Each structure stands twice: as structure tokens, then as C-alpha cells.
N, C-alpha and C. Protein backbone atom coordinates (compact mmCIF):
# COMPACT_ATOMS: atom_id res chain seq x y z
N UNK A 1 -58.50 39.06 269.18
CA UNK A 1 -58.15 39.98 268.15
C UNK A 1 -56.99 38.83 267.53
N UNK A 2 -57.03 38.20 266.13
CA UNK A 2 -56.25 37.33 265.50
C UNK A 2 -55.24 38.34 264.46
N UNK A 3 -54.21 38.00 264.78
CA UNK A 3 -53.11 38.98 263.68
C UNK A 3 -52.52 37.55 262.92
N UNK A 4 -52.22 37.65 261.29
CA UNK A 4 -51.48 36.53 260.86
C UNK A 4 -50.38 37.10 260.24
N UNK A 5 -49.57 37.04 260.40
CA UNK A 5 -47.99 37.70 260.09
C UNK A 5 -47.72 36.20 258.77
N UNK A 6 -47.63 37.41 257.45
CA UNK A 6 -47.73 36.19 256.34
C UNK A 6 -46.94 37.17 255.28
N UNK A 7 -45.99 35.54 254.66
CA UNK A 7 -45.04 36.08 253.83
C UNK A 7 -44.45 34.85 253.12
N UNK A 8 -45.30 34.70 251.70
CA UNK A 8 -44.59 33.36 251.12
C UNK A 8 -43.44 33.06 250.91
N UNK A 9 -42.56 34.39 251.06
CA UNK A 9 -41.11 34.39 250.98
C UNK A 9 -40.34 34.35 252.36
N UNK A 10 -39.49 33.18 252.17
CA UNK A 10 -38.77 33.01 253.76
C UNK A 10 -37.84 34.03 253.81
N UNK A 11 -37.48 34.15 255.26
CA UNK A 11 -36.57 35.64 255.33
C UNK A 11 -37.03 36.69 255.11
N UNK A 12 -38.30 37.15 255.62
CA UNK A 12 -38.74 38.51 255.45
C UNK A 12 -38.93 39.06 257.00
N UNK A 13 -38.63 38.31 258.14
CA UNK A 13 -38.78 38.51 259.23
C UNK A 13 -39.91 38.27 259.86
N UNK A 14 -40.81 37.11 259.54
CA UNK A 14 -42.07 36.93 260.16
C UNK A 14 -42.37 36.41 261.34
N UNK A 15 -41.05 35.51 262.08
CA UNK A 15 -40.88 35.11 263.31
C UNK A 15 -40.31 36.24 264.18
N UNK A 16 -39.34 36.70 263.81
CA UNK A 16 -38.70 37.93 264.45
C UNK A 16 -40.07 39.21 264.82
N UNK A 17 -40.93 39.36 264.02
CA UNK A 17 -42.19 40.40 264.20
C UNK A 17 -42.69 39.77 264.85
N UNK A 18 -43.31 38.33 264.75
CA UNK A 18 -44.44 37.74 265.69
C UNK A 18 -43.97 38.03 267.17
N UNK A 19 -42.51 37.49 267.74
CA UNK A 19 -42.47 37.29 268.79
C UNK A 19 -42.56 38.74 269.67
N UNK A 20 -41.69 39.61 268.69
CA UNK A 20 -41.56 40.73 269.64
C UNK A 20 -42.62 41.86 269.67
N UNK A 21 -43.43 41.50 268.75
CA UNK A 21 -44.64 42.29 268.83
C UNK A 21 -45.92 41.69 270.01
N UNK A 22 -45.32 40.14 270.04
CA UNK A 22 -46.61 39.78 271.12
C UNK A 22 -46.18 39.95 272.76
N UNK A 23 -44.68 40.43 272.67
CA UNK A 23 -44.36 41.04 273.80
C UNK A 23 -44.49 42.21 274.02
N UNK A 24 -44.89 43.38 272.94
CA UNK A 24 -44.89 44.37 273.18
C UNK A 24 -46.46 44.42 273.23
N UNK A 25 -47.51 44.24 273.07
CA UNK A 25 -48.51 43.84 273.09
C UNK A 25 -48.91 43.33 274.55
N UNK A 26 -47.94 42.75 275.43
CA UNK A 26 -48.09 42.47 276.68
C UNK A 26 -48.02 43.21 277.64
N UNK A 27 -47.22 44.48 277.07
CA UNK A 27 -47.04 45.96 278.09
C UNK A 27 -48.19 46.33 278.22
N UNK A 28 -49.33 46.38 277.76
CA UNK A 28 -50.50 46.94 278.09
C UNK A 28 -51.33 45.96 278.84
N UNK A 29 -50.76 44.99 279.44
CA UNK A 29 -51.33 44.05 280.31
C UNK A 29 -52.47 42.99 279.52
N UNK A 30 -52.12 42.96 278.11
CA UNK A 30 -53.24 42.39 277.60
C UNK A 30 -52.43 40.78 277.54
N UNK A 31 -53.37 39.69 277.48
CA UNK A 31 -52.67 38.32 277.41
C UNK A 31 -52.52 38.24 275.68
N UNK A 32 -51.33 37.52 275.47
CA UNK A 32 -51.15 37.42 274.35
C UNK A 32 -50.57 35.50 274.11
N UNK A 33 -50.84 35.16 272.47
CA UNK A 33 -50.25 33.66 272.51
C UNK A 33 -49.54 33.84 270.80
N UNK A 34 -48.54 33.24 270.75
CA UNK A 34 -48.26 32.96 269.53
C UNK A 34 -48.62 31.73 269.10
N UNK A 35 -49.09 31.73 267.59
CA UNK A 35 -49.13 30.22 267.43
C UNK A 35 -48.59 30.27 266.30
N UNK A 36 -47.39 29.18 266.45
CA UNK A 36 -46.69 28.75 265.40
C UNK A 36 -46.86 27.59 264.09
N UNK A 37 -47.35 28.31 263.00
CA UNK A 37 -48.23 27.67 261.90
C UNK A 37 -47.06 26.77 261.06
N UNK A 38 -46.14 27.19 261.07
CA UNK A 38 -44.82 27.32 260.28
C UNK A 38 -44.17 25.96 260.62
N UNK A 39 -44.57 24.12 259.86
CA UNK A 39 -44.02 22.97 260.22
C UNK A 39 -42.44 23.40 260.43
N UNK A 40 -41.62 24.36 260.39
CA UNK A 40 -40.50 24.44 260.46
C UNK A 40 -40.07 25.05 262.03
N UNK A 41 -41.17 25.26 262.85
CA UNK A 41 -41.52 25.31 264.06
C UNK A 41 -40.22 26.42 264.47
N UNK A 42 -40.06 27.82 264.04
CA UNK A 42 -38.79 28.70 264.65
C UNK A 42 -39.48 29.58 265.81
N UNK A 43 -40.72 29.47 265.76
CA UNK A 43 -41.44 29.99 266.87
C UNK A 43 -41.21 29.04 268.27
N UNK A 44 -41.88 28.03 267.78
CA UNK A 44 -41.42 26.95 269.04
C UNK A 44 -40.29 26.93 269.72
N UNK A 45 -38.93 26.93 268.73
CA UNK A 45 -37.86 27.37 269.24
C UNK A 45 -37.04 28.13 270.15
N UNK A 46 -37.68 29.30 269.73
CA UNK A 46 -37.48 30.31 270.26
C UNK A 46 -38.24 30.08 271.78
N UNK A 47 -39.10 29.95 271.34
CA UNK A 47 -39.91 29.80 273.04
C UNK A 47 -39.45 28.85 273.92
N UNK A 48 -38.63 27.74 273.23
CA UNK A 48 -38.23 26.66 274.11
C UNK A 48 -36.95 27.22 274.85
N UNK A 49 -36.31 27.78 273.76
CA UNK A 49 -34.83 28.50 274.27
C UNK A 49 -35.00 29.50 275.39
N UNK A 50 -36.26 29.99 275.47
CA UNK A 50 -36.86 30.71 276.72
C UNK A 50 -37.40 30.30 277.60
N UNK A 51 -37.47 29.10 277.68
CA UNK A 51 -38.47 28.24 278.56
C UNK A 51 -39.44 28.49 278.77
N UNK A 52 -40.20 29.04 277.38
CA UNK A 52 -41.34 29.57 277.70
C UNK A 52 -41.82 30.56 278.72
N UNK A 53 -41.26 31.26 279.27
CA UNK A 53 -41.13 32.26 280.23
C UNK A 53 -41.68 33.87 280.06
N UNK A 54 -41.52 34.05 278.56
CA UNK A 54 -41.98 35.31 278.24
C UNK A 54 -43.50 35.45 277.30
N UNK A 55 -43.45 34.50 276.52
CA UNK A 55 -44.97 34.52 276.09
C UNK A 55 -44.98 33.14 275.21
N UNK A 56 -46.10 32.61 275.57
CA UNK A 56 -47.03 31.27 275.09
C UNK A 56 -47.04 31.25 273.81
N UNK A 57 -46.52 29.78 273.30
CA UNK A 57 -45.71 29.52 272.22
C UNK A 57 -46.80 28.00 271.92
N UNK A 58 -47.83 27.96 271.16
CA UNK A 58 -48.63 27.11 270.58
C UNK A 58 -48.40 26.58 269.28
N UNK A 59 -47.97 25.51 268.96
CA UNK A 59 -48.00 24.90 267.49
C UNK A 59 -49.19 24.31 267.08
N UNK A 60 -49.44 24.86 265.71
CA UNK A 60 -50.80 24.39 265.00
C UNK A 60 -50.55 24.39 263.60
N UNK A 61 -49.89 23.55 263.33
CA UNK A 61 -49.27 23.75 261.76
C UNK A 61 -50.24 22.65 260.69
N UNK A 62 -51.67 22.45 260.76
CA UNK A 62 -52.52 22.00 260.51
C UNK A 62 -53.30 22.56 259.59
N UNK A 63 -53.41 21.97 258.21
CA UNK A 63 -54.43 23.12 257.15
C UNK A 63 -55.95 23.38 257.96
N UNK A 64 -55.59 22.57 259.34
CA UNK A 64 -57.43 22.85 259.89
C UNK A 64 -57.41 24.26 260.68
N UNK A 65 -56.36 24.72 260.59
CA UNK A 65 -55.94 26.01 260.97
C UNK A 65 -56.98 26.86 261.67
N UNK A 66 -58.03 27.30 260.66
CA UNK A 66 -58.85 28.40 260.94
C UNK A 66 -59.81 27.69 261.64
N UNK A 67 -60.19 26.30 261.71
CA UNK A 67 -61.13 25.80 262.37
C UNK A 67 -60.92 25.70 264.11
N UNK A 68 -59.35 25.38 263.99
CA UNK A 68 -58.97 25.13 265.57
C UNK A 68 -58.72 26.00 266.28
N UNK A 69 -58.12 27.33 265.93
CA UNK A 69 -57.65 28.11 266.43
C UNK A 69 -58.28 28.90 267.23
N UNK A 70 -59.59 29.08 267.26
CA UNK A 70 -60.43 29.42 268.47
C UNK A 70 -60.66 28.85 269.36
N UNK A 71 -60.70 27.51 269.42
CA UNK A 71 -60.84 26.40 270.53
C UNK A 71 -59.57 26.31 271.54
N UNK A 72 -58.34 26.80 270.85
CA UNK A 72 -57.24 26.92 271.54
C UNK A 72 -56.89 28.20 272.32
N UNK A 73 -57.43 29.29 271.64
CA UNK A 73 -56.78 30.33 271.94
C UNK A 73 -57.90 31.77 272.40
N UNK A 74 -59.07 31.03 272.69
CA UNK A 74 -60.07 32.03 272.95
C UNK A 74 -60.06 32.49 274.12
N UNK A 75 -59.42 32.37 274.97
CA UNK A 75 -58.90 33.00 276.60
C UNK A 75 -57.94 34.15 276.31
N UNK A 76 -57.33 34.36 274.74
CA UNK A 76 -56.73 35.35 275.20
C UNK A 76 -57.15 36.71 274.51
N UNK A 77 -56.43 37.63 274.62
CA UNK A 77 -57.04 39.44 273.85
C UNK A 77 -55.84 39.10 272.72
N UNK A 78 -55.17 38.27 272.18
CA UNK A 78 -54.54 38.61 271.32
C UNK A 78 -53.63 37.41 270.43
N UNK A 79 -54.17 36.79 269.76
CA UNK A 79 -53.33 35.80 269.13
C UNK A 79 -52.55 36.62 267.96
N UNK A 80 -51.47 36.04 267.70
CA UNK A 80 -50.32 36.26 266.58
C UNK A 80 -50.10 34.59 265.99
N UNK A 81 -50.08 34.95 264.79
CA UNK A 81 -50.40 33.75 264.13
C UNK A 81 -48.94 33.84 263.46
N UNK A 82 -47.16 33.19 263.54
CA UNK A 82 -46.46 33.48 262.75
C UNK A 82 -46.71 32.43 261.42
N UNK A 83 -47.02 33.04 260.42
CA UNK A 83 -47.42 31.81 259.16
C UNK A 83 -46.22 30.99 258.57
N UNK A 84 -46.65 30.27 258.19
CA UNK A 84 -45.87 29.33 257.37
C UNK A 84 -45.85 29.79 255.96
N UNK A 85 -44.47 29.70 255.28
CA UNK A 85 -43.96 30.11 253.98
C UNK A 85 -44.83 29.41 252.93
N UNK A 86 -44.32 29.80 251.87
CA UNK A 86 -45.20 29.40 250.44
C UNK A 86 -46.68 29.61 250.58
N UNK A 87 -47.29 29.86 248.99
CA UNK A 87 -48.77 29.88 249.59
C UNK A 87 -49.52 28.91 249.49
N UNK A 88 -49.44 28.10 250.70
CA UNK A 88 -49.87 26.94 250.92
C UNK A 88 -51.25 26.91 251.75
N UNK A 89 -52.00 25.28 251.90
CA UNK A 89 -53.01 25.54 252.73
C UNK A 89 -53.19 26.59 253.75
N UNK A 90 -51.83 26.11 254.36
CA UNK A 90 -51.75 26.73 256.00
C UNK A 90 -51.83 28.47 255.74
N UNK A 91 -51.20 28.68 254.87
CA UNK A 91 -51.40 30.23 254.43
C UNK A 91 -52.83 30.64 254.41
N UNK A 92 -53.47 29.95 253.78
CA UNK A 92 -55.06 29.93 253.30
C UNK A 92 -55.46 30.23 254.70
N UNK A 93 -55.21 29.08 255.47
CA UNK A 93 -55.98 29.04 256.46
C UNK A 93 -56.29 30.12 257.67
N UNK A 94 -54.76 30.60 257.54
CA UNK A 94 -54.54 31.96 258.59
C UNK A 94 -55.30 32.85 257.75
N UNK A 95 -54.98 33.02 256.47
CA UNK A 95 -56.16 34.20 256.33
C UNK A 95 -57.54 34.22 256.50
N UNK A 96 -58.27 33.05 256.26
CA UNK A 96 -59.68 33.02 256.52
C UNK A 96 -59.56 33.23 257.99
N UNK A 97 -58.82 32.94 259.06
CA UNK A 97 -59.16 33.16 260.50
C UNK A 97 -58.83 34.22 261.27
N UNK A 98 -58.00 35.26 260.46
CA UNK A 98 -57.28 36.38 261.01
C UNK A 98 -58.34 37.77 261.07
N UNK A 99 -58.19 38.29 261.94
CA UNK A 99 -59.04 39.64 261.47
C UNK A 99 -58.04 40.66 261.14
N UNK A 100 -56.55 40.57 261.00
CA UNK A 100 -55.82 41.46 260.35
C UNK A 100 -54.64 40.38 259.76
N UNK A 101 -54.07 40.86 258.76
CA UNK A 101 -52.55 40.04 258.39
C UNK A 101 -52.04 41.20 257.95
N UNK A 102 -50.53 40.98 258.17
CA UNK A 102 -49.55 41.88 258.36
C UNK A 102 -48.63 41.19 257.44
N UNK A 103 -48.04 42.03 256.34
CA UNK A 103 -47.49 41.22 255.45
C UNK A 103 -45.90 41.65 255.51
N UNK A 104 -44.65 41.16 256.41
CA UNK A 104 -43.41 41.81 256.40
C UNK A 104 -42.50 42.10 255.16
N UNK A 105 -42.40 42.93 254.54
CA UNK A 105 -41.41 42.59 253.20
C UNK A 105 -40.46 43.83 253.76
N UNK A 106 -39.11 42.91 253.03
CA UNK A 106 -37.88 43.58 253.20
C UNK A 106 -37.64 44.54 252.08
N UNK A 107 -36.84 45.57 252.49
CA UNK A 107 -36.73 46.59 250.98
C UNK A 107 -35.82 46.35 249.99
N UNK A 108 -36.60 45.34 249.06
CA UNK A 108 -35.68 44.88 247.97
C UNK A 108 -37.49 44.43 247.04
N UNK A 109 -36.96 44.90 245.66
CA UNK A 109 -37.71 44.32 244.58
C UNK A 109 -38.62 43.05 244.25
N UNK A 110 -37.47 42.27 245.05
CA UNK A 110 -37.43 40.84 245.00
C UNK A 110 -38.90 40.18 246.31
N UNK A 111 -38.85 41.35 247.33
CA UNK A 111 -39.66 41.06 248.29
C UNK A 111 -41.56 41.09 247.44
N UNK A 112 -41.15 42.37 246.97
CA UNK A 112 -42.25 43.02 246.45
C UNK A 112 -42.98 41.74 245.56
N UNK A 113 -42.01 41.79 244.34
CA UNK A 113 -42.63 40.57 243.58
C UNK A 113 -43.21 39.73 244.09
N UNK A 114 -42.39 38.99 245.24
CA UNK A 114 -43.00 37.69 245.74
C UNK A 114 -43.95 37.60 246.39
N UNK A 115 -44.60 38.94 246.80
CA UNK A 115 -45.89 39.02 247.35
C UNK A 115 -46.86 39.17 246.53
N UNK A 116 -46.93 38.92 245.50
CA UNK A 116 -48.26 39.38 244.51
C UNK A 116 -49.17 38.17 244.68
N UNK A 117 -48.47 36.91 244.92
CA UNK A 117 -49.70 36.18 244.64
C UNK A 117 -50.64 35.92 246.14
N UNK A 118 -49.80 36.27 247.18
CA UNK A 118 -50.42 36.51 248.79
C UNK A 118 -51.59 37.60 248.51
N UNK A 119 -51.56 38.49 247.68
CA UNK A 119 -52.22 40.00 247.91
C UNK A 119 -53.45 39.64 247.31
N UNK A 120 -53.03 38.60 245.93
CA UNK A 120 -54.36 38.98 245.45
C UNK A 120 -55.25 37.53 246.10
N UNK A 121 -54.67 36.56 247.00
CA UNK A 121 -55.36 35.98 247.60
C UNK A 121 -56.12 36.59 248.76
N UNK A 122 -55.98 37.27 249.72
CA UNK A 122 -56.16 38.40 250.25
C UNK A 122 -57.09 39.35 250.11
N UNK A 123 -56.83 39.52 248.59
CA UNK A 123 -58.52 40.67 248.16
C UNK A 123 -59.45 39.52 247.95
N UNK A 124 -59.23 38.69 247.29
CA UNK A 124 -60.45 37.51 246.57
C UNK A 124 -61.14 37.13 248.07
N UNK A 125 -60.50 37.12 249.39
CA UNK A 125 -60.74 36.92 250.27
C UNK A 125 -61.77 38.14 250.85
N UNK A 126 -61.25 38.93 250.92
CA UNK A 126 -62.12 40.68 251.10
C UNK A 126 -63.28 40.67 250.48
N UNK A 127 -63.55 40.10 248.66
CA UNK A 127 -64.14 40.57 247.80
C UNK A 127 -65.46 39.80 248.81
N UNK A 128 -65.16 38.85 249.22
CA UNK A 128 -66.82 37.69 249.62
C UNK A 128 -67.21 38.20 251.23
N UNK A 129 -66.12 38.87 252.09
CA UNK A 129 -66.54 38.91 253.28
C UNK A 129 -66.58 40.28 253.91
N UNK A 130 -66.77 41.17 252.97
CA UNK A 130 -67.23 42.96 253.21
C UNK A 130 -65.65 43.28 253.85
N UNK A 131 -64.60 42.78 253.29
CA UNK A 131 -63.69 43.65 253.23
C UNK A 131 -62.27 43.16 254.60
N UNK A 132 -62.33 41.86 254.95
CA UNK A 132 -62.10 41.10 255.91
C UNK A 132 -61.07 39.90 255.61
N UNK A 133 -59.87 39.87 256.19
CA UNK A 133 -59.24 40.49 257.06
C UNK A 133 -58.36 41.60 256.31
N UNK A 134 -58.68 42.64 257.41
CA UNK A 134 -57.97 43.88 257.24
C UNK A 134 -56.54 43.20 256.93
N UNK A 135 -55.84 44.07 255.69
CA UNK A 135 -54.08 43.87 255.52
C UNK A 135 -53.75 44.89 254.98
N UNK A 136 -52.22 44.59 255.51
CA UNK A 136 -51.04 45.92 255.81
C UNK A 136 -50.02 45.15 255.03
N UNK A 137 -49.11 46.51 254.55
CA UNK A 137 -47.57 45.74 254.74
C UNK A 137 -46.54 46.12 255.67
N UNK A 138 -45.72 45.60 256.18
CA UNK A 138 -45.02 46.57 257.26
C UNK A 138 -43.68 46.02 256.66
N UNK A 139 -42.85 47.19 256.61
CA UNK A 139 -41.48 47.11 256.00
C UNK A 139 -40.50 46.85 257.09
N UNK A 140 -39.75 45.41 257.07
CA UNK A 140 -39.32 45.00 258.24
C UNK A 140 -37.60 44.93 257.31
N UNK A 141 -36.70 44.99 258.29
CA UNK A 141 -34.98 45.01 258.08
C UNK A 141 -34.88 46.09 257.24
N UNK A 142 -35.15 47.20 257.75
CA UNK A 142 -35.03 48.37 256.76
C UNK A 142 -33.27 48.53 257.32
N UNK A 143 -32.67 49.65 256.40
CA UNK A 143 -30.97 50.07 256.74
C UNK A 143 -31.18 51.50 256.43
N UNK A 144 -30.69 51.88 257.99
CA UNK A 144 -30.75 53.20 258.04
C UNK A 144 -30.16 53.86 257.12
N UNK A 145 -30.36 55.10 256.95
CA UNK A 145 -29.22 56.28 255.97
C UNK A 145 -29.69 56.04 254.42
N UNK A 146 -30.75 55.14 254.29
CA UNK A 146 -30.92 54.71 252.83
C UNK A 146 -31.92 55.00 252.15
N UNK A 147 -32.17 55.20 251.21
CA UNK A 147 -33.39 55.66 250.22
C UNK A 147 -34.47 54.36 250.05
N UNK A 148 -33.89 53.63 250.71
CA UNK A 148 -34.52 52.02 249.71
C UNK A 148 -36.20 52.01 250.17
N UNK A 149 -35.99 52.05 251.21
CA UNK A 149 -37.43 52.21 252.49
C UNK A 149 -38.37 53.16 251.79
N UNK A 150 -38.04 54.22 250.99
CA UNK A 150 -38.98 55.39 250.56
C UNK A 150 -39.47 54.89 249.32
N UNK A 151 -38.47 53.85 248.42
CA UNK A 151 -38.36 53.65 247.19
C UNK A 151 -39.61 52.16 247.04
N UNK A 152 -39.63 51.40 248.57
CA UNK A 152 -40.16 50.40 248.42
C UNK A 152 -41.53 50.71 248.74
N UNK A 153 -42.12 51.83 249.37
CA UNK A 153 -43.40 52.40 249.96
C UNK A 153 -43.52 52.66 248.35
N UNK A 154 -43.36 53.48 247.83
CA UNK A 154 -43.69 53.83 246.41
C UNK A 154 -44.19 52.63 245.80
N UNK A 155 -43.09 52.06 245.65
CA UNK A 155 -43.76 50.50 244.66
C UNK A 155 -44.73 50.05 245.16
N UNK A 156 -44.81 49.71 246.69
CA UNK A 156 -45.86 48.97 247.17
C UNK A 156 -47.20 49.91 247.07
N UNK A 157 -47.23 51.13 246.60
CA UNK A 157 -48.86 51.54 246.50
C UNK A 157 -49.48 50.52 245.43
N UNK A 158 -48.59 50.08 244.09
CA UNK A 158 -49.19 49.50 242.80
C UNK A 158 -50.23 48.52 243.45
N UNK A 159 -49.96 48.12 244.73
CA UNK A 159 -50.97 46.65 245.75
C UNK A 159 -51.97 47.17 245.80
N UNK A 160 -52.17 48.45 246.12
CA UNK A 160 -53.55 49.87 247.00
C UNK A 160 -54.05 48.28 247.84
N UNK A 161 -52.87 48.37 248.94
CA UNK A 161 -52.83 47.84 250.19
C UNK A 161 -52.25 49.08 251.42
N UNK A 162 -52.63 49.57 252.68
CA UNK A 162 -51.99 49.71 253.18
C UNK A 162 -50.78 49.69 253.67
N UNK A 163 -49.70 50.68 254.04
CA UNK A 163 -48.13 50.20 254.32
C UNK A 163 -48.24 51.11 255.81
N UNK A 164 -47.89 50.16 256.80
CA UNK A 164 -47.43 50.89 258.04
C UNK A 164 -46.58 51.95 258.01
N UNK A 165 -46.59 52.94 258.47
CA UNK A 165 -45.46 53.93 258.82
C UNK A 165 -44.36 53.48 259.66
N UNK A 166 -44.81 52.69 260.66
CA UNK A 166 -43.73 52.29 261.64
C UNK A 166 -43.12 50.81 260.95
N UNK A 167 -41.95 50.42 261.38
CA UNK A 167 -41.21 48.69 260.85
C UNK A 167 -40.30 48.61 261.73
N UNK A 168 -39.27 47.83 261.31
CA UNK A 168 -38.28 47.37 262.15
C UNK A 168 -36.64 47.57 260.89
N UNK A 169 -35.62 47.51 261.63
CA UNK A 169 -34.60 48.03 260.98
C UNK A 169 -33.48 46.72 261.37
N UNK A 170 -32.83 46.76 260.38
CA UNK A 170 -31.62 45.68 260.94
C UNK A 170 -30.90 46.27 261.99
N UNK A 171 -31.13 45.03 262.44
CA UNK A 171 -30.02 45.67 264.17
C UNK A 171 -29.31 44.18 264.66
N UNK A 172 -28.58 44.13 265.24
CA UNK A 172 -28.07 42.76 265.95
C UNK A 172 -28.84 42.33 267.07
N UNK A 173 -29.74 43.40 267.58
CA UNK A 173 -30.05 42.67 268.93
C UNK A 173 -31.47 41.94 268.66
N UNK A 174 -31.95 42.04 267.50
CA UNK A 174 -32.85 40.88 267.11
C UNK A 174 -32.35 39.43 266.91
N UNK A 175 -31.25 39.74 266.28
CA UNK A 175 -30.78 38.39 266.46
C UNK A 175 -30.40 37.21 267.34
N UNK A 176 -29.81 38.58 268.28
CA UNK A 176 -29.16 38.26 269.83
C UNK A 176 -30.22 37.70 270.67
N UNK A 177 -31.50 38.40 270.51
CA UNK A 177 -32.58 38.19 271.59
C UNK A 177 -33.32 36.74 270.90
N UNK A 178 -33.42 36.51 269.83
CA UNK A 178 -33.84 35.53 269.36
C UNK A 178 -33.36 34.31 269.66
N UNK A 179 -32.04 34.17 269.88
CA UNK A 179 -30.99 32.95 269.82
C UNK A 179 -31.20 32.66 271.53
N UNK A 180 -31.85 33.71 272.81
CA UNK A 180 -31.88 33.35 274.32
C UNK A 180 -33.63 33.37 274.37
N UNK A 181 -33.92 33.28 273.49
CA UNK A 181 -35.48 33.08 273.48
C UNK A 181 -36.11 34.21 274.31
N UNK A 182 -35.31 35.42 274.06
CA UNK A 182 -36.16 36.38 274.63
C UNK A 182 -36.61 37.46 273.91
N UNK A 183 -36.67 39.41 274.09
CA UNK A 183 -37.17 39.87 272.89
C UNK A 183 -36.47 41.05 272.97
N UNK A 184 -36.85 42.48 271.99
CA UNK A 184 -35.54 43.48 272.34
C UNK A 184 -36.19 44.38 273.55
N UNK A 185 -37.50 43.92 273.75
CA UNK A 185 -38.15 44.65 274.98
C UNK A 185 -37.52 44.14 276.29
N UNK A 186 -37.34 42.84 276.40
CA UNK A 186 -36.37 42.72 277.15
C UNK A 186 -35.05 42.74 277.65
N UNK A 187 -34.54 42.78 276.63
CA UNK A 187 -33.18 43.35 276.73
C UNK A 187 -32.94 44.62 276.75
N UNK A 188 -33.25 45.51 275.98
CA UNK A 188 -33.15 46.85 275.80
C UNK A 188 -34.24 47.72 275.83
N UNK A 189 -35.03 47.81 277.16
CA UNK A 189 -36.60 48.01 276.93
C UNK A 189 -36.59 49.46 276.43
N UNK A 190 -35.53 50.43 276.61
CA UNK A 190 -35.49 51.77 276.20
C UNK A 190 -34.48 52.10 274.83
N UNK A 191 -34.40 50.95 274.08
CA UNK A 191 -33.66 50.76 273.24
C UNK A 191 -34.26 51.62 271.85
N UNK A 192 -33.41 51.53 270.97
CA UNK A 192 -34.18 51.82 269.39
C UNK A 192 -35.02 50.95 269.10
N UNK A 193 -34.46 49.27 269.04
CA UNK A 193 -35.37 48.22 268.64
C UNK A 193 -36.51 48.15 269.30
N UNK A 194 -36.57 48.39 270.54
CA UNK A 194 -37.99 48.32 271.75
C UNK A 194 -38.71 49.76 271.29
N UNK A 195 -38.33 50.74 270.72
CA UNK A 195 -39.06 51.75 270.48
C UNK A 195 -40.21 51.52 269.31
N UNK A 196 -39.21 50.89 268.46
CA UNK A 196 -39.78 50.60 267.14
C UNK A 196 -40.47 49.31 267.05
N UNK A 197 -40.71 48.39 267.83
CA UNK A 197 -41.52 47.51 268.20
C UNK A 197 -42.84 47.94 268.78
N UNK A 198 -42.66 48.93 269.90
CA UNK A 198 -43.76 49.59 270.47
C UNK A 198 -44.34 50.31 269.61
N UNK A 199 -43.79 51.05 268.69
CA UNK A 199 -44.60 52.03 267.46
C UNK A 199 -45.63 50.89 266.37
N UNK A 200 -45.28 49.67 265.88
CA UNK A 200 -45.69 49.19 265.49
C UNK A 200 -47.14 48.46 266.31
N UNK A 201 -46.82 48.33 267.63
CA UNK A 201 -48.18 48.12 268.33
C UNK A 201 -49.18 48.99 268.49
N UNK A 202 -48.78 50.36 268.87
CA UNK A 202 -49.65 51.45 268.84
C UNK A 202 -50.59 51.74 267.13
N UNK A 203 -49.60 50.99 266.37
CA UNK A 203 -49.70 51.29 265.12
C UNK A 203 -51.51 50.43 264.87
N UNK A 204 -50.80 49.13 264.87
CA UNK A 204 -51.39 48.08 264.51
C UNK A 204 -53.22 48.51 265.73
N UNK A 205 -52.71 48.97 266.84
CA UNK A 205 -54.24 49.14 267.43
C UNK A 205 -55.07 50.43 266.71
N UNK A 206 -54.36 51.07 266.47
CA UNK A 206 -55.00 52.07 265.51
C UNK A 206 -55.61 52.03 264.22
N UNK A 207 -55.05 50.97 263.56
CA UNK A 207 -55.75 50.24 262.26
C UNK A 207 -56.87 49.64 262.53
N UNK A 208 -56.96 48.99 263.60
CA UNK A 208 -58.39 48.28 263.83
C UNK A 208 -59.26 48.54 264.58
N UNK A 209 -59.13 50.41 265.01
CA UNK A 209 -60.02 50.80 265.54
C UNK A 209 -61.24 51.33 264.22
């Protein structure tokens, strides 16, 4: 199963979701690899910081990603693609080879506006491939005790695309674990951040069913 995590806007939490979700999927004894398709190499930097001991990270940042990816990830149950910013050839290649595309959006109108072109490309692809890849929004970096997340959910309805019930919140632990090449599940297995990642894992499995 290939999951592309895409948003043409930077700073939406793509890499954070990619590596933590990968670790969450491993908890069910599935084999998982993260493909870093962003030339900036954030996921590769994360993997290097942890000496590659948690999740395997492969760099594949060529426009031929959709043709090359299965040859290097065929032995894994799950492949998570940490997508490149901007609606580039890399992003389009990710859409072509993914079974699911997750679009992280922060609770901000700017994030919603920035996804319009990406949604159009995904829907154009779906129109010629019998609805594939499946796609959904996931709200990242939510702020507790505010109504912003609810308002964003309402606004996203205009795109006629599912929105995951689960998502991530603004927590210091995400940044702390990223610096050391770890994950929230490894740092605090029973903490709030780990619980929200596990909920995303559960929802993504239900989404593909």
C-alpha cells in the first residue's frame, strides 16, 4: 500500500506525519518504508539523526518516481511518500503511484486556499482511473480549546473530499523527537501525541477497507 502525503504549501507537517505514521504502522508488525521525494531531504535528515534505527528512509526525488518506486519498495507492506512542496513533477508522480493521498492542512484559511490546485490535479487523476487514488484531508497542528479546527472542517467541505476525524495537535514533543530522529511513539508510547498517531493509523486502515 502506497500512501502519498502531499501539500504544495510548506510547513503543513508532511514530514512529521510521514515518519510518525510510519512508526505507528509498524506497531501492527507491518513492514514500512518512508520514501523522501523532497529534494530538501527532511525525512532523510530525520533518519540520519536516528541512525536509521527506527524506520527505513529511502531518497527518491526524481520525476520518474511513479515508475521507480515499486522496484525499491516492493518488499514492504506500507510505503509512505513524504511529498515535495509545490505542485511539481514530483507531486504529480506521487499522485500517479499512490493508493491513498493524504493532504495535511493546518487550521488556517491560507492552507485551505493553497490546496485548491492540488485537489484539482487529484480529481483529474481520479476521473480517468476509476476513483484512484483515494484522497482525504488530515488536519495538522490543531490548537486545543479553539474552534478553528471545526471551522476548517466546514470550509474543507467545499472541496468535496473526505476529512479524517483524527489529526495532530501542536505539541512540543513532535519537534523534540524530530531533532533526535525519534518519534512520539518511541518517546512517550502512552502520551497524547502517540495516541493521536495511533488513531490516524486506525482511520487510514478503515479508509482503505
